[in-house]
């Protein structure tokens, strides 16, 4: 039976990739990825040459069909998003679901996680933590959800693009003012 591997990739430091992820990428017949340019940097760093296929949010449905056809042929496919764990605020969930529904084995290869890395250093002692992922890009929804989150009695984690983090801080400040 062919296998789809969901690979956790480094978040910023290419040295953070696991040995298991490296071995899986080396043995894959194809690496499907969110952005071939980003994944190529990782593969070049590791000295791995393998065929790649784009599978980003905008084409995930179409690409999933192509990948499932390759899995049907007995090929081994590894999927990697740009940084961190696929399907966790990144593409990959549709592909994993469709591959599983088609009868293929879907295997996670754990790797770096921004969520757990942040929890490990923030000093919070909450046992309950809400992972929100990225907030809506729509201003009203974004502000409304942020106000709701600021009123919960336990910790929460949101993701934000580095170029928008300052703006987010102002929104939080305004919500608390």
N, C-alpha and C. Protein backbone atom coordinates (compact mmCIF):
# COMPACT_ATOMS: atom_id res chain seq x y z
N UNK A 1 0.84 -1.18 0.00
CA UNK A 1 0.00 0.00 0.00
C UNK A 1 0.89 1.24 0.00
N UNK A 2 0.53 2.22 -0.81
CA UNK A 2 1.28 3.46 -0.84
C UNK A 2 0.92 4.32 0.37
N UNK A 3 1.80 5.27 0.65
CA UNK A 3 1.64 6.08 1.86
C UNK A 3 1.81 7.56 1.52
N UNK A 4 0.98 8.38 2.15
CA UNK A 4 1.14 9.83 2.13
C UNK A 4 1.70 10.22 3.49
N UNK A 5 2.89 10.79 3.49
CA UNK A 5 3.51 11.28 4.72
C UNK A 5 3.26 12.77 4.85
N UNK A 6 2.80 13.19 6.00
CA UNK A 6 2.60 14.61 6.31
C UNK A 6 3.80 15.04 7.16
N UNK A 7 4.68 15.86 6.58
CA UNK A 7 5.97 16.18 7.18
C UNK A 7 5.97 17.53 7.89
N UNK A 8 6.33 17.54 9.17
CA UNK A 8 6.56 18.78 9.89
C UNK A 8 7.92 19.32 9.48
N UNK A 9 7.96 20.59 9.05
CA UNK A 9 9.21 21.18 8.56
C UNK A 9 9.66 22.32 9.47
N UNK A 10 10.95 22.69 9.38
CA UNK A 10 11.50 23.74 10.26
C UNK A 10 10.78 25.06 10.15
N UNK A 11 10.75 25.76 11.28
CA UNK A 11 10.17 27.10 11.35
C UNK A 11 11.34 28.07 11.50
N UNK A 12 11.92 28.48 10.40
CA UNK A 12 13.00 29.46 10.45
C UNK A 12 14.40 28.89 10.44
N UNK A 13 14.67 27.82 11.17
CA UNK A 13 16.01 27.26 11.25
C UNK A 13 16.01 25.88 10.61
N UNK A 14 16.65 25.75 9.45
CA UNK A 14 16.62 24.48 8.71
C UNK A 14 17.22 23.32 9.51
N UNK A 15 18.03 23.62 10.51
CA UNK A 15 18.62 22.59 11.35
C UNK A 15 17.63 21.93 12.28
N UNK A 16 16.42 22.46 12.37
CA UNK A 16 15.41 21.90 13.27
C UNK A 16 14.66 20.71 12.68
N UNK A 17 14.97 20.31 11.47
CA UNK A 17 14.26 19.18 10.87
C UNK A 17 14.66 17.88 11.56
N UNK A 18 13.70 16.98 11.72
CA UNK A 18 13.99 15.72 12.40
C UNK A 18 14.68 14.74 11.46
N UNK A 19 15.43 13.81 12.03
CA UNK A 19 16.08 12.77 11.23
C UNK A 19 15.05 11.93 10.49
N UNK A 20 13.93 11.66 11.15
CA UNK A 20 12.87 10.88 10.52
C UNK A 20 12.29 11.62 9.31
N UNK A 21 12.14 12.93 9.41
CA UNK A 21 11.64 13.72 8.28
C UNK A 21 12.63 13.67 7.12
N UNK A 22 13.92 13.78 7.42
CA UNK A 22 14.95 13.72 6.38
C UNK A 22 14.89 12.38 5.65
N UNK A 23 14.84 11.29 6.41
CA UNK A 23 14.78 9.96 5.80
C UNK A 23 13.53 9.78 4.96
N UNK A 24 12.41 10.30 5.43
CA UNK A 24 11.15 10.19 4.69
C UNK A 24 11.23 10.97 3.39
N UNK A 25 11.78 12.18 3.43
CA UNK A 25 11.93 12.98 2.21
C UNK A 25 12.87 12.29 1.21
N UNK A 26 13.92 11.66 1.71
CA UNK A 26 14.87 10.96 0.83
C UNK A 26 14.20 9.79 0.11
N UNK A 27 13.29 9.12 0.79
CA UNK A 27 12.68 7.91 0.24
C UNK A 27 11.41 8.18 -0.57
N UNK A 28 10.91 9.39 -0.55
CA UNK A 28 9.67 9.71 -1.26
C UNK A 28 9.90 9.72 -2.77
N UNK A 29 8.87 9.27 -3.49
CA UNK A 29 8.90 9.36 -4.95
C UNK A 29 8.57 10.78 -5.40
N UNK A 30 7.82 11.49 -4.58
CA UNK A 30 7.38 12.85 -4.89
C UNK A 30 7.21 13.62 -3.60
N UNK A 31 7.59 14.89 -3.62
CA UNK A 31 7.31 15.78 -2.50
C UNK A 31 6.30 16.81 -2.98
N UNK A 32 5.11 16.75 -2.42
CA UNK A 32 4.09 17.76 -2.68
C UNK A 32 4.30 18.85 -1.64
N UNK A 33 4.12 20.09 -2.02
CA UNK A 33 4.44 21.16 -1.08
C UNK A 33 3.62 22.41 -1.32
N UNK A 34 3.51 23.19 -0.25
CA UNK A 34 2.76 24.44 -0.30
C UNK A 34 3.39 25.41 -1.29
N UNK A 35 4.71 25.52 -1.26
CA UNK A 35 5.42 26.43 -2.15
C UNK A 35 6.71 25.73 -2.57
N UNK A 36 6.81 25.37 -3.84
CA UNK A 36 7.98 24.63 -4.31
C UNK A 36 9.28 25.40 -4.08
N UNK A 37 9.22 26.72 -4.13
CA UNK A 37 10.44 27.51 -3.93
C UNK A 37 10.95 27.37 -2.50
N UNK A 38 10.02 27.40 -1.53
CA UNK A 38 10.41 27.26 -0.12
C UNK A 38 10.92 25.85 0.16
N UNK A 39 10.20 24.85 -0.31
CA UNK A 39 10.59 23.47 -0.05
C UNK A 39 11.90 23.14 -0.76
N UNK A 40 12.13 23.72 -1.93
CA UNK A 40 13.38 23.49 -2.64
C UNK A 40 14.58 23.96 -1.81
N UNK A 41 14.43 25.07 -1.09
CA UNK A 41 15.51 25.54 -0.21
C UNK A 41 15.84 24.48 0.83
N UNK A 42 14.81 23.87 1.42
CA UNK A 42 15.02 22.83 2.42
C UNK A 42 15.66 21.60 1.79
N UNK A 43 15.13 21.16 0.66
CA UNK A 43 15.67 19.97 0.00
C UNK A 43 17.12 20.19 -0.44
N UNK A 44 17.44 21.37 -0.95
CA UNK A 44 18.82 21.68 -1.33
C UNK A 44 19.72 21.66 -0.12
N UNK A 45 19.26 22.22 0.99
CA UNK A 45 20.03 22.22 2.25
C UNK A 45 20.35 20.79 2.68
N UNK A 46 19.41 19.88 2.45
CA UNK A 46 19.58 18.49 2.85
C UNK A 46 20.24 17.64 1.77
N UNK A 47 20.49 18.21 0.59
CA UNK A 47 21.09 17.46 -0.50
C UNK A 47 20.15 16.42 -1.11
N UNK A 48 18.87 16.71 -1.09
CA UNK A 48 17.86 15.77 -1.60
C UNK A 48 17.33 16.29 -2.93
N UNK A 49 17.34 15.41 -3.93
CA UNK A 49 16.79 15.75 -5.24
C UNK A 49 15.61 14.82 -5.48
N UNK A 50 14.43 15.40 -5.62
CA UNK A 50 13.21 14.62 -5.81
C UNK A 50 12.21 15.48 -6.58
N UNK A 51 11.35 14.83 -7.31
CA UNK A 51 10.32 15.56 -8.05
C UNK A 51 9.37 16.23 -7.05
N UNK A 52 8.92 17.46 -7.40
CA UNK A 52 8.01 18.19 -6.52
C UNK A 52 6.74 18.56 -7.28
N UNK A 53 5.68 18.78 -6.51
CA UNK A 53 4.39 19.19 -7.05
C UNK A 53 3.79 20.23 -6.10
N UNK A 54 3.31 21.33 -6.65
CA UNK A 54 2.67 22.37 -5.84
C UNK A 54 1.31 21.88 -5.34
N UNK A 55 1.08 22.08 -4.06
CA UNK A 55 -0.22 21.75 -3.45
C UNK A 55 -0.48 22.80 -2.38
N UNK A 56 -0.90 23.98 -2.85
CA UNK A 56 -1.13 25.11 -1.93
C UNK A 56 -2.63 25.30 -1.75
N UNK A 57 -3.01 26.21 -0.90
CA UNK A 57 -4.43 26.42 -0.60
C UNK A 57 -5.25 26.68 -1.87
N UNK A 58 -4.69 27.42 -2.81
CA UNK A 58 -5.43 27.80 -4.01
C UNK A 58 -5.65 26.63 -4.98
N UNK A 59 -4.83 25.57 -4.89
CA UNK A 59 -4.99 24.46 -5.83
C UNK A 59 -5.05 23.10 -5.13
N UNK A 60 -5.32 23.09 -3.83
CA UNK A 60 -5.25 21.85 -3.06
C UNK A 60 -6.23 20.79 -3.56
N UNK A 61 -7.45 21.19 -3.91
CA UNK A 61 -8.43 20.22 -4.43
C UNK A 61 -7.89 19.53 -5.69
N UNK A 62 -7.44 20.32 -6.64
CA UNK A 62 -6.93 19.79 -7.91
C UNK A 62 -5.67 18.95 -7.68
N UNK A 63 -4.74 19.47 -6.90
CA UNK A 63 -3.50 18.76 -6.63
C UNK A 63 -3.75 17.46 -5.87
N UNK A 64 -4.71 17.47 -4.98
CA UNK A 64 -5.03 16.25 -4.22
C UNK A 64 -5.41 15.13 -5.17
N UNK A 65 -6.16 15.45 -6.21
CA UNK A 65 -6.53 14.44 -7.21
C UNK A 65 -5.30 13.85 -7.89
N UNK A 66 -4.35 14.71 -8.26
CA UNK A 66 -3.11 14.24 -8.90
C UNK A 66 -2.29 13.37 -7.95
N UNK A 67 -2.24 13.78 -6.69
CA UNK A 67 -1.46 13.04 -5.70
C UNK A 67 -2.10 11.68 -5.42
N UNK A 68 -3.41 11.65 -5.31
CA UNK A 68 -4.11 10.38 -5.08
C UNK A 68 -3.89 9.44 -6.26
N UNK A 69 -3.86 9.96 -7.48
CA UNK A 69 -3.57 9.13 -8.65
C UNK A 69 -2.18 8.50 -8.53
N UNK A 70 -1.21 9.27 -8.04
CA UNK A 70 0.14 8.74 -7.85
C UNK A 70 0.16 7.69 -6.73
N UNK A 71 -0.59 7.96 -5.66
CA UNK A 71 -0.70 6.97 -4.58
C UNK A 71 -1.34 5.69 -5.11
N UNK A 72 -2.34 5.83 -5.97
CA UNK A 72 -3.00 4.66 -6.58
C UNK A 72 -2.00 3.82 -7.39
N UNK A 73 -0.98 4.48 -7.95
CA UNK A 73 0.06 3.78 -8.71
C UNK A 73 1.10 3.14 -7.81
N UNK A 74 0.97 3.33 -6.50
CA UNK A 74 1.93 2.74 -5.56
C UNK A 74 3.08 3.65 -5.18
N UNK A 75 3.00 4.92 -5.57
CA UNK A 75 4.06 5.88 -5.24
C UNK A 75 3.96 6.31 -3.77
N UNK A 76 5.11 6.68 -3.23
CA UNK A 76 5.18 7.24 -1.89
C UNK A 76 5.28 8.75 -2.02
N UNK A 77 4.40 9.47 -1.33
CA UNK A 77 4.36 10.93 -1.43
C UNK A 77 4.55 11.54 -0.04
N UNK A 78 5.40 12.55 0.03
CA UNK A 78 5.57 13.33 1.26
C UNK A 78 4.98 14.71 1.00
N UNK A 79 4.24 15.23 1.97
CA UNK A 79 3.68 16.58 1.84
C UNK A 79 4.30 17.49 2.89
N UNK A 80 4.75 18.67 2.46
CA UNK A 80 5.36 19.63 3.38
C UNK A 80 4.78 21.01 3.12
N UNK A 81 4.41 21.71 4.20
CA UNK A 81 4.03 23.11 4.05
C UNK A 81 5.30 23.94 4.23
N UNK A 82 5.19 25.25 4.15
CA UNK A 82 6.38 26.11 4.17
C UNK A 82 7.15 26.04 5.48
N UNK A 83 6.44 25.97 6.60
CA UNK A 83 7.10 25.94 7.90
C UNK A 83 6.11 25.40 8.93
N UNK A 84 6.55 24.43 9.70
CA UNK A 84 5.69 23.86 10.73
C UNK A 84 4.93 22.65 10.23
N UNK A 85 3.77 22.44 10.81
CA UNK A 85 2.99 21.24 10.55
C UNK A 85 1.88 21.51 9.53
N UNK A 86 1.88 20.76 8.43
CA UNK A 86 0.80 20.92 7.45
C UNK A 86 -0.57 20.72 8.09
N UNK A 87 -1.56 21.41 7.54
CA UNK A 87 -2.96 21.34 7.97
C UNK A 87 -3.22 22.09 9.28
N UNK A 88 -2.19 22.62 9.90
CA UNK A 88 -2.35 23.41 11.11
C UNK A 88 -2.11 24.86 10.72
N UNK A 89 -3.16 25.54 10.29
CA UNK A 89 -3.09 26.89 9.73
C UNK A 89 -2.29 26.93 8.43
N UNK A 90 -2.15 25.81 7.79
CA UNK A 90 -1.50 25.68 6.49
C UNK A 90 -2.30 24.68 5.66
N UNK A 91 -2.08 24.65 4.35
CA UNK A 91 -2.75 23.63 3.54
C UNK A 91 -2.33 22.22 3.97
N UNK A 92 -3.10 21.25 3.54
CA UNK A 92 -2.76 19.86 3.82
C UNK A 92 -3.93 19.04 4.33
N UNK A 93 -4.89 19.69 4.96
CA UNK A 93 -6.03 18.97 5.54
C UNK A 93 -6.88 18.31 4.45
N UNK A 94 -7.13 19.02 3.37
CA UNK A 94 -7.94 18.47 2.28
C UNK A 94 -7.23 17.26 1.68
N UNK A 95 -5.93 17.39 1.43
CA UNK A 95 -5.15 16.30 0.87
C UNK A 95 -5.17 15.08 1.79
N UNK A 96 -4.92 15.28 3.08
CA UNK A 96 -4.91 14.17 4.02
C UNK A 96 -6.26 13.46 4.07
N UNK A 97 -7.34 14.24 4.10
CA UNK A 97 -8.69 13.66 4.15
C UNK A 97 -8.98 12.86 2.89
N UNK A 98 -8.70 13.45 1.74
CA UNK A 98 -9.00 12.78 0.47
C UNK A 98 -8.15 11.51 0.29
N UNK A 99 -6.90 11.56 0.71
CA UNK A 99 -6.04 10.37 0.60
C UNK A 99 -6.57 9.25 1.50
N UNK A 100 -6.97 9.61 2.70
CA UNK A 100 -7.53 8.63 3.63
C UNK A 100 -8.83 8.05 3.09
N UNK A 101 -9.71 8.91 2.58
CA UNK A 101 -10.98 8.46 2.00
C UNK A 101 -10.75 7.53 0.81
N UNK A 102 -9.64 7.72 0.09
CA UNK A 102 -9.33 6.88 -1.06
C UNK A 102 -8.68 5.56 -0.64
N UNK A 103 -8.52 5.37 0.67
CA UNK A 103 -7.98 4.11 1.18
C UNK A 103 -6.48 4.07 1.37
N UNK A 104 -5.84 5.23 1.28
CA UNK A 104 -4.39 5.27 1.46
C UNK A 104 -4.03 5.56 2.91
N UNK A 105 -2.91 5.04 3.32
CA UNK A 105 -2.41 5.30 4.66
C UNK A 105 -1.84 6.72 4.70
N UNK A 106 -2.18 7.47 5.74
CA UNK A 106 -1.67 8.83 5.93
C UNK A 106 -0.91 8.83 7.26
N UNK A 107 0.39 9.14 7.19
CA UNK A 107 1.27 9.02 8.35
C UNK A 107 1.87 10.38 8.69
N UNK A 108 1.69 10.84 9.94
CA UNK A 108 2.32 12.11 10.34
C UNK A 108 3.79 11.89 10.70
N UNK A 109 4.62 12.81 10.27
CA UNK A 109 6.03 12.84 10.67
C UNK A 109 6.20 14.13 11.46
N UNK A 110 6.18 14.03 12.79
CA UNK A 110 6.20 15.24 13.62
C UNK A 110 7.45 16.08 13.40
N UNK A 111 7.29 17.34 13.64
CA UNK A 111 8.41 18.26 13.50
C UNK A 111 8.18 19.47 14.37
N UNK A 112 8.86 20.56 14.04
CA UNK A 112 8.72 21.79 14.82
C UNK A 112 7.28 22.28 14.84
N UNK A 113 6.90 22.83 15.96
CA UNK A 113 5.55 23.38 16.11
C UNK A 113 5.65 24.73 16.79
N UNK A 114 5.19 25.76 16.09
CA UNK A 114 5.20 27.10 16.69
C UNK A 114 4.34 27.13 17.94
N UNK A 115 3.24 26.40 17.92
CA UNK A 115 2.32 26.34 19.05
C UNK A 115 3.01 25.80 20.30
N UNK A 116 3.61 24.64 20.20
CA UNK A 116 4.24 24.05 21.39
C UNK A 116 5.53 24.77 21.76
N UNK A 117 6.26 25.29 20.77
CA UNK A 117 7.47 26.05 21.08
C UNK A 117 7.13 27.28 21.92
N UNK A 118 6.06 27.99 21.55
CA UNK A 118 5.64 29.16 22.30
C UNK A 118 5.20 28.79 23.71
N UNK A 119 4.41 27.72 23.82
CA UNK A 119 3.96 27.29 25.14
C UNK A 119 5.14 26.94 26.05
N UNK A 120 6.20 26.38 25.46
CA UNK A 120 7.33 25.93 26.28
C UNK A 120 8.12 27.08 26.90
N UNK A 121 8.02 28.27 26.34
CA UNK A 121 8.82 29.39 26.85
C UNK A 121 8.02 30.53 27.46
N UNK A 122 6.69 30.50 27.36
CA UNK A 122 5.91 31.66 27.79
C UNK A 122 5.67 31.70 29.30
N UNK A 123 5.90 30.60 29.98
CA UNK A 123 5.73 30.61 31.43
C UNK A 123 4.30 30.46 31.90
N UNK A 124 3.37 30.28 31.00
CA UNK A 124 1.97 30.12 31.40
C UNK A 124 1.78 28.75 32.05
N UNK A 125 0.91 28.71 33.04
CA UNK A 125 0.65 27.46 33.72
C UNK A 125 -0.76 26.93 33.40
N UNK A 126 -1.40 27.54 32.43
CA UNK A 126 -2.74 27.08 32.04
C UNK A 126 -2.67 25.66 31.51
N UNK A 127 -3.58 24.82 31.97
CA UNK A 127 -3.69 23.49 31.40
C UNK A 127 -4.60 23.51 30.19
N UNK A 128 -5.45 24.51 30.12
CA UNK A 128 -6.34 24.67 28.98
C UNK A 128 -5.82 25.83 28.15
N UNK A 129 -5.58 25.55 26.88
CA UNK A 129 -5.11 26.57 25.96
C UNK A 129 -5.89 26.42 24.66
N UNK A 130 -6.40 27.51 24.16
CA UNK A 130 -7.14 27.50 22.91
C UNK A 130 -6.20 27.88 21.78
N UNK A 131 -6.18 27.05 20.75
CA UNK A 131 -5.42 27.38 19.56
C UNK A 131 -6.38 27.95 18.54
N UNK A 132 -6.23 29.21 18.22
CA UNK A 132 -7.13 29.89 17.28
C UNK A 132 -6.59 29.90 15.86
N UNK A 133 -5.27 29.78 15.71
CA UNK A 133 -4.69 29.88 14.37
C UNK A 133 -4.69 31.33 13.92
N UNK A 134 -4.87 31.56 12.63
CA UNK A 134 -4.91 32.92 12.10
C UNK A 134 -6.31 33.50 12.27
N UNK A 135 -6.38 34.74 12.69
CA UNK A 135 -7.66 35.44 12.76
C UNK A 135 -8.12 35.80 11.35
N UNK A 136 -9.39 36.09 11.22
CA UNK A 136 -9.95 36.49 9.93
C UNK A 136 -9.23 37.75 9.44
N UNK A 137 -8.99 37.86 8.14
CA UNK A 137 -8.38 39.09 7.62
C UNK A 137 -9.40 40.25 7.54
N UNK A 138 -10.68 39.92 7.71
CA UNK A 138 -11.72 40.96 7.67
C UNK A 138 -11.72 41.72 8.99
N UNK A 139 -11.56 43.01 8.90
CA UNK A 139 -11.36 43.87 10.06
C UNK A 139 -12.41 43.67 11.16
N UNK A 140 -13.68 43.69 10.81
CA UNK A 140 -14.74 43.55 11.81
C UNK A 140 -14.71 42.19 12.50
N UNK A 141 -14.59 41.14 11.73
CA UNK A 141 -14.53 39.78 12.31
C UNK A 141 -13.29 39.62 13.17
N UNK A 142 -12.20 40.15 12.68
CA UNK A 142 -10.92 40.06 13.39
C UNK A 142 -11.02 40.72 14.76
N UNK A 143 -11.51 41.95 14.77
CA UNK A 143 -11.62 42.71 16.02
C UNK A 143 -12.61 42.04 16.97
N UNK A 144 -13.74 41.58 16.44
CA UNK A 144 -14.77 40.93 17.25
C UNK A 144 -14.23 39.65 17.90
N UNK A 145 -13.55 38.81 17.10
CA UNK A 145 -13.02 37.56 17.65
C UNK A 145 -11.92 37.83 18.66
N UNK A 146 -11.10 38.82 18.41
CA UNK A 146 -10.04 39.17 19.36
C UNK A 146 -10.63 39.61 20.70
N UNK A 147 -11.70 40.41 20.67
CA UNK A 147 -12.37 40.81 21.92
C UNK A 147 -12.89 39.60 22.67
N UNK A 148 -13.48 38.64 21.95
CA UNK A 148 -13.96 37.41 22.59
C UNK A 148 -12.81 36.66 23.24
N UNK A 149 -11.71 36.54 22.53
CA UNK A 149 -10.56 35.80 23.05
C UNK A 149 -9.98 36.48 24.30
N UNK A 150 -9.94 37.79 24.29
CA UNK A 150 -9.40 38.52 25.44
C UNK A 150 -10.27 38.37 26.69
N UNK A 151 -11.50 37.93 26.51
CA UNK A 151 -12.40 37.75 27.65
C UNK A 151 -12.52 36.32 28.16
N UNK A 152 -11.79 35.38 27.56
CA UNK A 152 -11.85 34.01 28.07
C UNK A 152 -10.94 33.88 29.28
N UNK A 153 -11.17 32.87 30.09
CA UNK A 153 -10.44 32.75 31.36
C UNK A 153 -9.23 31.82 31.28
N UNK A 154 -8.78 31.51 30.09
CA UNK A 154 -7.62 30.65 29.93
C UNK A 154 -6.80 31.18 28.76
N UNK A 155 -5.64 30.61 28.58
CA UNK A 155 -4.74 31.10 27.54
C UNK A 155 -5.21 30.77 26.14
N UNK A 156 -4.74 31.56 25.19
CA UNK A 156 -5.01 31.28 23.78
C UNK A 156 -3.80 31.66 22.96
N UNK A 157 -3.69 31.01 21.82
CA UNK A 157 -2.59 31.30 20.90
C UNK A 157 -3.19 31.59 19.54
N UNK A 158 -2.71 32.68 18.94
CA UNK A 158 -3.09 33.00 17.58
C UNK A 158 -1.81 33.10 16.75
N UNK A 159 -1.94 32.86 15.48
CA UNK A 159 -0.83 33.05 14.55
C UNK A 159 -1.02 34.39 13.87
N UNK A 160 0.09 35.03 13.51
CA UNK A 160 0.02 36.28 12.77
C UNK A 160 1.25 36.40 11.89
N UNK A 161 1.08 36.93 10.72
CA UNK A 161 2.19 37.17 9.81
C UNK A 161 3.10 38.23 10.41
N UNK A 162 4.38 38.06 10.23
CA UNK A 162 5.34 38.97 10.86
C UNK A 162 5.16 40.42 10.41
N UNK A 163 4.68 40.63 9.21
CA UNK A 163 4.49 42.00 8.73
C UNK A 163 3.23 42.65 9.29
N UNK A 164 2.36 41.87 9.96
CA UNK A 164 1.13 42.43 10.52
C UNK A 164 1.12 42.42 12.05
N UNK A 165 2.19 41.98 12.68
CA UNK A 165 2.19 41.80 14.13
C UNK A 165 2.05 43.13 14.88
N UNK A 166 2.69 44.18 14.40
CA UNK A 166 2.59 45.49 15.06
C UNK A 166 1.14 45.99 15.01
N UNK A 167 0.51 45.85 13.85
CA UNK A 167 -0.88 46.26 13.70
C UNK A 167 -1.77 45.48 14.67
N UNK A 168 -1.51 44.18 14.81
CA UNK A 168 -2.28 43.35 15.74
C UNK A 168 -2.12 43.86 17.18
N UNK A 169 -0.92 44.25 17.54
CA UNK A 169 -0.68 44.77 18.90
C UNK A 169 -1.52 46.02 19.16
N UNK A 170 -1.65 46.88 18.16
CA UNK A 170 -2.48 48.07 18.31
C UNK A 170 -3.95 47.71 18.48
N UNK A 171 -4.40 46.68 17.77
CA UNK A 171 -5.78 46.23 17.89
C UNK A 171 -6.03 45.70 19.30
N UNK A 172 -5.08 44.93 19.83
CA UNK A 172 -5.20 44.41 21.20
C UNK A 172 -5.22 45.56 22.19
N UNK A 173 -4.31 46.50 22.01
CA UNK A 173 -4.26 47.66 22.90
C UNK A 173 -5.59 48.41 22.88
N UNK A 174 -6.12 48.65 21.68
CA UNK A 174 -7.39 49.38 21.54
C UNK A 174 -8.55 48.60 22.18
N UNK A 175 -8.51 47.29 22.08
CA UNK A 175 -9.57 46.46 22.66
C UNK A 175 -9.54 46.52 24.19
N UNK A 176 -8.36 46.73 24.74
CA UNK A 176 -8.22 46.80 26.20
C UNK A 176 -8.30 48.21 26.75
N UNK A 177 -8.33 49.19 25.88
CA UNK A 177 -8.35 50.59 26.33
C UNK A 177 -9.72 51.01 26.82
